[in-house]
C-alpha atoms as a PDB file:
ATOM      1  CA  MET A   1      26.189  10.919   4.212  1.00  0.00           C
ATOM      2  CA  LYS A   2      27.870   8.065   2.583  1.00  0.00           C
ATOM      3  CA  LEU A   3      25.788   5.572   0.472  1.00  0.00           C
ATOM      4  CA  GLU A   4      27.513   2.352  -0.363  1.00  0.00           C
ATOM      5  CA  LYS A   5      26.248  -0.362  -2.659  1.00  0.00           C
ATOM      6  CA  LYS A   6      26.726  -3.017  -0.119  1.00  0.00           C
ATOM      7  CA  ASN A   7      24.118  -1.381   2.184  1.00  0.00           C
ATOM      8  CA  LEU A   8      21.611  -1.235  -0.770  1.00  0.00           C
ATOM      9  CA  ILE A   9      18.319  -2.567   0.394  1.00  0.00           C
ATOM     10  CA  VAL A  10      15.891  -1.981  -2.469  1.00  0.00           C
ATOM     11  CA  GLU A  11      16.315  -0.604  -5.862  1.00  0.00           C
ATOM     12  CA  ARG A  12      13.345   0.581  -7.977  1.00  0.00           C
ATOM     13  CA  PRO A  13      13.178   2.767 -11.396  1.00  0.00           C
ATOM     14  CA  TYR A  14      12.484   5.697  -9.357  1.00  0.00           C
ATOM     15  CA  LYS A  15      14.306   5.242  -6.049  1.00  0.00           C
ATOM     16  CA  SER A  16      17.072   3.395  -4.297  1.00  0.00           C
ATOM     17  CA  VAL A  17      16.871   2.445  -0.505  1.00  0.00           C
ATOM     18  CA  TYR A  18      19.980   2.090   1.756  1.00  0.00           C
ATOM     19  CA  LYS A  19      20.614   1.230   5.369  1.00  0.00           C
ATOM     20  CA  THR A  20      22.944   3.682   7.050  1.00  0.00           C
ATOM     21  CA  GLU A  21      24.103   4.674  10.466  1.00  0.00           C
ATOM     22  CA  GLU A  22      21.680   7.638  10.250  1.00  0.00           C
ATOM     23  CA  GLY A  23      18.730   5.273   9.402  1.00  0.00           C
ATOM     24  CA  VAL A  24      16.979   4.062   6.270  1.00  0.00           C
ATOM     25  CA  VAL A  25      17.808   6.414   3.371  1.00  0.00           C
ATOM     26  CA  LYS A  26      15.347   6.578   0.391  1.00  0.00           C
ATOM     27  CA  ILE A  27      16.810   8.433  -2.361  1.00  0.00           C
ATOM     28  CA  PHE A  28      14.853   9.372  -5.434  1.00  0.00           C
ATOM     29  CA  VAL A  29      15.874   9.760  -9.134  1.00  0.00           C
ATOM     30  CA  THR A  30      16.474  13.463 -10.307  1.00  0.00           C
ATOM     31  CA  ASP A  31      13.270  13.434 -12.312  1.00  0.00           C
ATOM     32  CA  HIS A  32      11.045  12.129  -9.568  1.00  0.00           C
ATOM     33  CA  PRO A  33       8.597  14.942  -8.724  1.00  0.00           C
ATOM     34  CA  LYS A  34       9.744  17.056  -5.626  1.00  0.00           C
ATOM     35  CA  SER A  35       6.157  17.181  -4.669  1.00  0.00           C
ATOM     36  CA  ALA A  36       5.895  13.277  -4.418  1.00  0.00           C
ATOM     37  CA  VAL A  37       8.976  13.174  -2.246  1.00  0.00           C
ATOM     38  CA  PHE A  38       7.548  15.827   0.134  1.00  0.00           C
ATOM     39  CA  ASN A  39       4.090  14.406  -0.030  1.00  0.00           C
ATOM     40  CA  GLU A  40       5.392  11.056   1.184  1.00  0.00           C
ATOM     41  CA  ALA A  41       7.234  12.805   4.129  1.00  0.00           C
ATOM     42  CA  LEU A  42       4.070  14.654   5.106  1.00  0.00           C
ATOM     43  CA  ASN A  43       2.042  11.299   4.886  1.00  0.00           C
ATOM     44  CA  THR A  44       4.579   9.603   7.149  1.00  0.00           C
ATOM     45  CA  VAL A  45       4.436  12.359   9.664  1.00  0.00           C
ATOM     46  CA  LYS A  46       0.513  12.473   9.745  1.00  0.00           C
ATOM     47  CA  VAL A  47       0.566   8.735  10.275  1.00  0.00           C
ATOM     48  CA  GLU A  48       2.918   9.196  13.120  1.00  0.00           C
ATOM     49  CA  GLU A  49       0.463  11.679  14.607  1.00  0.00           C
ATOM     50  CA  THR A  50      -2.309   9.069  14.817  1.00  0.00           C
ATOM     51  CA  GLY A  51      -0.272   7.308  17.586  1.00  0.00           C
ATOM     52  CA  LEU A  52       0.666   4.381  15.423  1.00  0.00           C
ATOM     53  CA  ASP A  53       4.181   3.086  16.186  1.00  0.00           C
ATOM     54  CA  ILE A  54       5.886   3.325  12.838  1.00  0.00           C
ATOM     55  CA  PRO A  55       9.551   4.143  11.794  1.00  0.00           C
ATOM     56  CA  LYS A  56       9.577   7.948  12.223  1.00  0.00           C
ATOM     57  CA  LEU A  57      10.754  10.484   9.648  1.00  0.00           C
ATOM     58  CA  LYS A  58      14.051  11.941  10.561  1.00  0.00           C
ATOM     59  CA  GLU A  59      14.921  14.254   7.784  1.00  0.00           C
ATOM     60  CA  VAL A  60      14.203  15.432   4.177  1.00  0.00           C
ATOM     61  CA  THR A  61      17.352  16.240   2.592  1.00  0.00           C
ATOM     62  CA  GLN A  62      19.340  16.302  -0.772  1.00  0.00           C
ATOM     63  CA  ILE A  63      22.312  13.881  -1.534  1.00  0.00           C
ATOM     64  CA  ASN A  64      24.398  14.642  -4.692  1.00  0.00           C
ATOM     65  CA  GLY A  65      21.527  16.831  -5.962  1.00  0.00           C
ATOM     66  CA  GLU A  66      18.788  14.324  -5.513  1.00  0.00           C
ATOM     67  CA  TRP A  67      16.037  14.361  -2.871  1.00  0.00           C
ATOM     68  CA  ALA A  68      16.052  11.841  -0.145  1.00  0.00           C
ATOM     69  CA  LEU A  69      14.059  10.809   3.012  1.00  0.00           C
ATOM     70  CA  VAL A  70      15.855   9.675   6.071  1.00  0.00           C
ATOM     71  CA  ILE A  71      13.689   7.233   8.229  1.00  0.00           C
ATOM     72  CA  GLU A  72      14.317   5.522  11.529  1.00  0.00           C
ATOM     73  CA  ASN A  73      15.552   2.019  10.977  1.00  0.00           C
ATOM     74  CA  ARG A  74      13.792  -0.963  12.435  1.00  0.00           C
ATOM     75  CA  GLU A  75      15.982  -4.177  12.515  1.00  0.00           C
ATOM     76  CA  GLY A  76      14.176  -7.335  11.434  1.00  0.00           C
ATOM     77  CA  LYS A  77      12.952  -9.412   8.511  1.00  0.00           C
ATOM     78  CA  THR A  78       9.926  -8.614   6.282  1.00  0.00           C
ATOM     79  CA  LEU A  79       6.969 -10.812   6.791  1.00  0.00           C
ATOM     80  CA  GLU A  80       7.074 -11.679   3.088  1.00  0.00           C
ATOM     81  CA  GLU A  81      10.490 -13.223   3.708  1.00  0.00           C
ATOM     82  CA  MET A  82       9.063 -15.140   6.752  1.00  0.00           C
ATOM     83  CA  MET A  83       6.017 -16.334   4.819  1.00  0.00           C
ATOM     84  CA  LYS A  84       8.235 -17.671   2.068  1.00  0.00           C
ATOM     85  CA  ILE A  85      10.655 -19.488   4.289  1.00  0.00           C
ATOM     86  CA  ASP A  86       8.018 -20.987   6.621  1.00  0.00           C
ATOM     87  CA  ARG A  87       5.077 -21.842   4.415  1.00  0.00           C
ATOM     88  CA  ALA A  88       3.733 -24.410   6.802  1.00  0.00           C
ATOM     89  CA  ASN A  89       2.829 -21.482   9.122  1.00  0.00           C
ATOM     90  CA  LEU A  90       1.269 -19.316   6.469  1.00  0.00           C
ATOM     91  CA  GLU A  91      -2.107 -19.211   8.182  1.00  0.00           C
ATOM     92  CA  LYS A  92      -0.512 -17.889  11.507  1.00  0.00           C
ATOM     93  CA  TYR A  93       1.394 -15.331   9.577  1.00  0.00           C
ATOM     94  CA  MET A  94      -1.644 -14.310   7.601  1.00  0.00           C
ATOM     95  CA  SER A  95      -3.764 -14.045  10.717  1.00  0.00           C
ATOM     96  CA  ASP A  96      -1.143 -11.750  12.373  1.00  0.00           C
ATOM     97  CA  PHE A  97      -0.979  -9.706   9.238  1.00  0.00           C
ATOM     98  CA  VAL A  98      -4.713  -9.149   9.169  1.00  0.00           C
ATOM     99  CA  ASP A  99      -4.636  -8.199  12.840  1.00  0.00           C
ATOM    100  CA  LEU A 100      -2.024  -5.547  12.102  1.00  0.00           C
ATOM    101  CA  GLN A 101      -3.994  -4.191   9.131  1.00  0.00           C
ATOM    102  CA  LEU A 102      -7.030  -3.867  11.369  1.00  0.00           C
ATOM    103  CA  LYS A 103      -4.978  -2.031  13.989  1.00  0.00           C
ATOM    104  CA  VAL A 104      -3.899   0.461  11.293  1.00  0.00           C
ATOM    105  CA  GLN A 105      -7.469   0.926  10.092  1.00  0.00           C
ATOM    106  CA  SER A 106      -8.682   1.460  13.682  1.00  0.00           C
ATOM    107  CA  LYS A 107      -6.980   4.878  13.303  1.00  0.00           C
ATOM    108  CA  THR A 108      -8.561   7.897  11.817  1.00  0.00           C
ATOM    109  CA  ALA A 109      -6.476  10.353   9.732  1.00  0.00           C
ATOM    110  CA  GLU A 110      -8.708  13.172   8.593  1.00  0.00           C
ATOM    111  CA  THR A 111      -5.794  15.471   7.286  1.00  0.00           C
ATOM    112  CA  LEU A 112      -4.640  12.713   4.812  1.00  0.00           C
ATOM    113  CA  PRO A 113      -5.864  12.703   1.211  1.00  0.00           C
ATOM    114  CA  LYS A 114      -9.299  11.216   0.690  1.00  0.00           C
ATOM    115  CA  LEU A 115      -9.043   7.753  -0.886  1.00  0.00           C
ATOM    116  CA  LYS A 116     -12.297   8.035  -2.858  1.00  0.00           C
ATOM    117  CA  ASP A 117     -10.915  11.363  -4.454  1.00  0.00           C
ATOM    118  CA  LYS A 118      -7.643   9.603  -5.290  1.00  0.00           C
ATOM    119  CA  LEU A 119      -9.394   6.691  -7.001  1.00  0.00           C
ATOM    120  CA  ALA A 120     -11.773   8.833  -8.912  1.00  0.00           C
ATOM    121  CA  ASN A 121      -8.920  11.070 -10.314  1.00  0.00           C
ATOM    122  CA  LYS A 122      -7.050   8.087 -11.424  1.00  0.00           C
ATOM    123  CA  ILE A 123     -10.033   6.613 -13.110  1.00  0.00           C
ATOM    124  CA  ARG A 124     -10.991   9.802 -14.917  1.00  0.00           C
ATOM    125  CA  ASN A 125      -7.486  10.000 -16.443  1.00  0.00           C
ATOM    126  CA  LEU A 126      -7.408   6.478 -17.765  1.00  0.00           C
ATOM    127  CA  LYS A 127      -6.856   6.144 -21.518  1.00  0.00           C
ATOM    128  CA  VAL A 128      -7.132   2.307 -21.518  1.00  0.00           C
ATOM    129  CA  LEU A 129     -10.743   2.211 -20.786  1.00  0.00           C
ATOM    130  CA  ASP A 130     -13.536   3.994 -22.769  1.00  0.00           C
ATOM    131  CA  ALA A 131     -15.863   6.578 -21.592  1.00  0.00           C
ATOM    132  CA  THR A 132     -18.621   4.132 -20.796  1.00  0.00           C
ATOM    133  CA  GLU A 133     -16.484   2.007 -18.663  1.00  0.00           C
ATOM    134  CA  ARG A 134     -15.015   4.913 -16.800  1.00  0.00           C
ATOM    135  CA  TYR A 135     -18.489   6.208 -16.163  1.00  0.00           C
ATOM    136  CA  GLU A 136     -19.697   2.811 -14.690  1.00  0.00           C
ATOM    137  CA  LEU A 137     -16.692   2.679 -12.528  1.00  0.00           C
ATOM    138  CA  LEU A 138     -17.072   6.163 -11.315  1.00  0.00           C
ATOM    139  CA  THR A 139     -20.777   5.629 -10.591  1.00  0.00           C
ATOM    140  CA  ARG A 140     -19.982   2.661  -8.479  1.00  0.00           C
ATOM    141  CA  LEU A 141     -17.269   4.490  -6.720  1.00  0.00           C
ATOM    142  CA  GLU A 142     -19.654   7.376  -5.912  1.00  0.00           C
ATOM    143  CA  SER A 143     -22.220   4.950  -4.414  1.00  0.00           C
ATOM    144  CA  MET A 144     -19.713   3.435  -2.014  1.00  0.00           C
ATOM    145  CA  PRO A 145     -19.616   4.694   1.712  1.00  0.00           C
ATOM    146  CA  ARG A 146     -17.104   7.389   2.384  1.00  0.00           C
ATOM    147  CA  HIS A 147     -15.084   6.671   5.537  1.00  0.00           C
ATOM    148  CA  THR A 148     -12.149   8.352   7.268  1.00  0.00           C
ATOM    149  CA  LYS A 149     -10.092   5.211   8.480  1.00  0.00           C
ATOM    150  CA  LEU A 150      -6.373   5.124   7.913  1.00  0.00           C
ATOM    151  CA  CYS A 151      -5.500   3.332   4.699  1.00  0.00           C
ATOM    152  CA  HIS A 152      -2.131   2.155   3.716  1.00  0.00           C
ATOM    153  CA  GLY A 153      -2.558   1.883   0.078  1.00  0.00           C
ATOM    154  CA  ASP A 154       0.103  -0.720  -0.446  1.00  0.00           C
ATOM    155  CA  PHE A 155      -0.400  -2.987   2.577  1.00  0.00           C
ATOM    156  CA  ASN A 156       1.417  -6.286   1.716  1.00  0.00           C
ATOM    157  CA  PRO A 157       3.891  -8.422   3.689  1.00  0.00           C
ATOM    158  CA  SER A 158       6.973  -6.774   2.055  1.00  0.00           C
ATOM    159  CA  ASN A 159       5.859  -3.598   3.996  1.00  0.00           C
ATOM    160  CA  VAL A 160       5.856  -5.254   7.274  1.00  0.00           C
ATOM    161  CA  ILE A 161       9.000  -5.526   9.432  1.00  0.00           C
ATOM    162  CA  VAL A 162       8.970  -8.317  12.121  1.00  0.00           C
ATOM    163  CA  GLU A 163      11.541  -7.353  14.808  1.00  0.00           C
ATOM    164  CA  LYS A 164      13.575  -9.782  16.756  1.00  0.00           C
ATOM    165  CA  ASN A 165      11.172  -9.643  19.661  1.00  0.00           C
ATOM    166  CA  GLY A 166       8.206 -10.491  17.368  1.00  0.00           C
ATOM    167  CA  LYS A 167       6.686  -6.909  17.196  1.00  0.00           C
ATOM    168  CA  MET A 168       5.521  -5.982  13.608  1.00  0.00           C
ATOM    169  CA  THR A 169       5.758  -2.542  12.234  1.00  0.00           C
ATOM    170  CA  VAL A 170       4.448  -1.102   8.981  1.00  0.00           C
ATOM    171  CA  ILE A 171       6.746   0.917   6.570  1.00  0.00           C
ATOM    172  CA  ASP A 172       6.422   2.790   3.413  1.00  0.00           C
ATOM    173  CA  TRP A 173       3.574   5.273   3.738  1.00  0.00           C
ATOM    174  CA  ALA A 174       3.736   6.997   0.301  1.00  0.00           C
ATOM    175  CA  HIS A 175       0.074   6.006  -0.695  1.00  0.00           C
ATOM    176  CA  ALA A 176      -1.535   6.619   2.716  1.00  0.00           C
ATOM    177  CA  SER A 177      -5.001   8.091   2.683  1.00  0.00           C
ATOM    178  CA  GLN A 178      -8.128   8.242   4.652  1.00  0.00           C
ATOM    179  CA  GLY A 179     -10.961   6.009   3.347  1.00  0.00           C
ATOM    180  CA  ASN A 180     -12.904   2.833   3.319  1.00  0.00           C
ATOM    181  CA  ALA A 181     -11.078  -0.192   4.946  1.00  0.00           C
ATOM    182  CA  SER A 182     -12.623  -2.632   2.489  1.00  0.00           C
ATOM    183  CA  ALA A 183     -11.094  -0.627  -0.388  1.00  0.00           C
ATOM    184  CA  ASP A 184      -7.679  -1.040   1.216  1.00  0.00           C
ATOM    185  CA  ALA A 185      -8.431  -4.724   1.550  1.00  0.00           C
ATOM    186  CA  ALA A 186      -9.282  -4.983  -1.875  1.00  0.00           C
ATOM    187  CA  MET A 187      -5.910  -3.489  -2.729  1.00  0.00           C
ATOM    188  CA  THR A 188      -4.070  -5.976  -0.500  1.00  0.00           C
ATOM    189  CA  TYR A 189      -6.177  -8.938  -1.979  1.00  0.00           C
ATOM    190  CA  LEU A 190      -4.999  -7.742  -5.648  1.00  0.00           C
ATOM    191  CA  LEU A 191      -1.280  -7.569  -4.458  1.00  0.00           C
ATOM    192  CA  PHE A 192      -1.622 -11.155  -3.232  1.00  0.00           C
ATOM    193  CA  ALA A 193      -3.581 -12.497  -6.115  1.00  0.00           C
ATOM    194  CA  LEU A 194      -0.945 -11.166  -8.625  1.00  0.00           C
ATOM    195  CA  HIS A 195       1.493 -13.756  -7.456  1.00  0.00           C
ATOM    196  CA  ASP A 196      -0.403 -16.289  -5.233  1.00  0.00           C
ATOM    197  CA  GLN A 197      -4.181 -16.884  -5.491  1.00  0.00           C
ATOM    198  CA  GLU A 198      -4.053 -19.218  -2.582  1.00  0.00           C
ATOM    199  CA  SER A 199      -2.650 -16.682  -0.281  1.00  0.00           C
ATOM    200  CA  ALA A 200      -5.205 -14.103  -1.653  1.00  0.00           C
ATOM    201  CA  ASP A 201      -8.111 -16.305  -0.840  1.00  0.00           C
ATOM    202  CA  LEU A 202      -6.786 -17.003   2.691  1.00  0.00           C
ATOM    203  CA  TYR A 203      -6.198 -13.335   3.254  1.00  0.00           C
ATOM    204  CA  LEU A 204      -9.669 -12.362   2.250  1.00  0.00           C
ATOM    205  CA  LYS A 205     -11.274 -15.100   4.138  1.00  0.00           C
ATOM    206  CA  LEU A 206      -9.349 -13.919   7.376  1.00  0.00           C
ATOM    207  CA  PHE A 207     -10.110 -10.148   6.804  1.00  0.00           C
ATOM    208  CA  CYS A 208     -13.758 -10.684   6.267  1.00  0.00           C
ATOM    209  CA  LYS A 209     -14.069 -12.909   9.419  1.00  0.00           C
ATOM    210  CA  LYS A 210     -11.963 -10.722  11.659  1.00  0.00           C
ATOM    211  CA  SER A 211     -13.603  -7.444  10.558  1.00  0.00           C
ATOM    212  CA  ASP A 212     -17.103  -8.893  10.202  1.00  0.00           C
ATOM    213  CA  THR A 213     -17.218  -7.844   6.577  1.00  0.00           C
ATOM    214  CA  ALA A 214     -19.222  -9.465   3.775  1.00  0.00           C
ATOM    215  CA  ARG A 215     -16.911 -10.865   1.130  1.00  0.00           C
ATOM    216  CA  GLN A 216     -19.113  -9.488  -1.418  1.00  0.00           C
ATOM    217  CA  TYR A 217     -18.632  -5.877  -0.067  1.00  0.00           C
ATOM    218  CA  VAL A 218     -14.677  -6.212  -0.484  1.00  0.00           C
ATOM    219  CA  GLU A 219     -15.488  -7.611  -3.944  1.00  0.00           C
ATOM    220  CA  GLN A 220     -17.496  -4.613  -4.911  1.00  0.00           C
ATOM    221  CA  TRP A 221     -14.261  -2.667  -4.578  1.00  0.00           C
ATOM    222  CA  LEU A 222     -12.121  -4.956  -6.697  1.00  0.00           C
ATOM    223  CA  PRO A 223     -12.874  -3.428 -10.234  1.00  0.00           C
ATOM    224  CA  ILE A 224     -12.570   0.175  -8.890  1.00  0.00           C
ATOM    225  CA  VAL A 225      -9.234  -0.530  -7.287  1.00  0.00           C
ATOM    226  CA  ALA A 226      -7.951  -2.474 -10.155  1.00  0.00           C
ATOM    227  CA  ALA A 227      -8.885   0.245 -12.685  1.00  0.00           C
ATOM    228  CA  ALA A 228      -7.003   2.866 -10.530  1.00  0.00           C
ATOM    229  CA  GLU A 229      -3.891   0.772 -10.558  1.00  0.00           C
ATOM    230  CA  LEU A 230      -3.909   0.693 -14.354  1.00  0.00           C
ATOM    231  CA  GLU A 231      -2.981   4.457 -14.006  1.00  0.00           C
ATOM    232  CA  LYS A 232       0.465   3.403 -13.147  1.00  0.00           C
ATOM    233  CA  ASP A 233       0.855   1.895 -16.639  1.00  0.00           C
ATOM    234  CA  ILE A 234       2.863  -1.263 -15.620  1.00  0.00           C
ATOM    235  CA  ARG A 235       2.712  -3.454 -18.567  1.00  0.00           C
ATOM    236  CA  LEU A 236       3.379  -6.658 -16.644  1.00  0.00           C
ATOM    237  CA  GLU A 237       0.290  -6.026 -14.626  1.00  0.00           C
ATOM    238  CA  LYS A 238      -2.183  -4.738 -17.191  1.00  0.00           C
ATOM    239  CA  ASP A 239      -3.763  -7.959 -18.328  1.00  0.00           C
ATOM    240  CA  PHE A 240      -4.198  -9.163 -14.729  1.00  0.00           C
ATOM    241  CA  LEU A 241      -5.879  -5.874 -13.757  1.00  0.00           C
ATOM    242  CA  MET A 242      -8.178  -5.731 -16.774  1.00  0.00           C
ATOM    243  CA  LYS A 243      -9.273  -9.268 -15.794  1.00  0.00           C
ATOM    244  CA  TRP A 244     -10.648  -7.944 -12.507  1.00  0.00           C
ATOM    245  CA  ILE A 245     -12.354  -4.957 -14.049  1.00  0.00           C
ATOM    246  CA  ASP A 246     -13.992  -7.266 -16.701  1.00  0.00           C
ATOM    247  CA  VAL A 247     -14.961 -10.138 -14.425  1.00  0.00           C
ATOM    248  CA  MET A 248     -17.187  -7.933 -12.157  1.00  0.00           C
ATOM    249  CA  GLU A 249     -20.531  -7.127 -13.277  1.00  0.00           C
ATOM    250  CA  TYR A 250     -21.522  -3.489 -12.856  1.00  0.00           C
ATOM    251  CA  GLU A 251     -24.737  -2.944 -10.757  1.00  0.00           C
END
C-alpha cells in the first residue's frame, strides 16, 4: 500500500491519516500501544453491529512495521468545515448535529467498555488533583445513573462527515463506550467551549431541548468529564479543564 504526502488528511503526534484507493488509512507511530490499535478496531466493529451506518472497518494491517487501520472512505466535508464557512446557518447545522448525536445515543452497545468505569480509572490515576478532590469527583460519579447508551466519547463536528447528498456519518470511534448520554453531551460541550463559548451554549441549549434533559443534569457531569480529560496531560488545555473542575460546587 502506497502512502503519499499529498494524500495526507490529518497528522497527529501518534498517528497519520491518509486517503487511498483502499480507503482511509490510519497509521500509528511505532510506540503507540498495539492494544490501543486493536481496541479502536474492535470498538468500530461493535458500533457497526448496532446497525448505525458508519464507515466500516476493512482491515487491520502493518505498513513498514507500523500498525494501521483501513476504514471505508466516505467522501464529503466535515461539519466543522461547513460551520466555519457558513456561520450564518450555525443554528441549522447545530440542530442537525444534535439530532445525529441523539440518533447515536438511541443505540445500545452492551459489549463496549463502560463509560463510568473509564472515567473512574482516569480520575483515580490523576496526579494533578489531591486525594480529597479525587474522592469528591469519584463520589459524584458513583452517584450518577449508570446507562448503556452508545457514547462516542469525542463527538464534535470534525468527526462528522457530510456527504454530497447531505447524509451525515460519524467517524473515529476510538473512545466509544456504553454509558450516560448526558456524560457524552458534557464532553461535547467542553470540546466546543475550548474554542467557542457561543457555539457551546447553543449546543447545550439544543441538546437539552431535543433530549428533554435539564441543563443542570448535564452540568453535573462537567467536572467529572473535565477531570478525566486531564489524564491526557495536554498542557494547552490544562487550565481550561481545571476551571471547569473548580467552578462547580460538589454536592
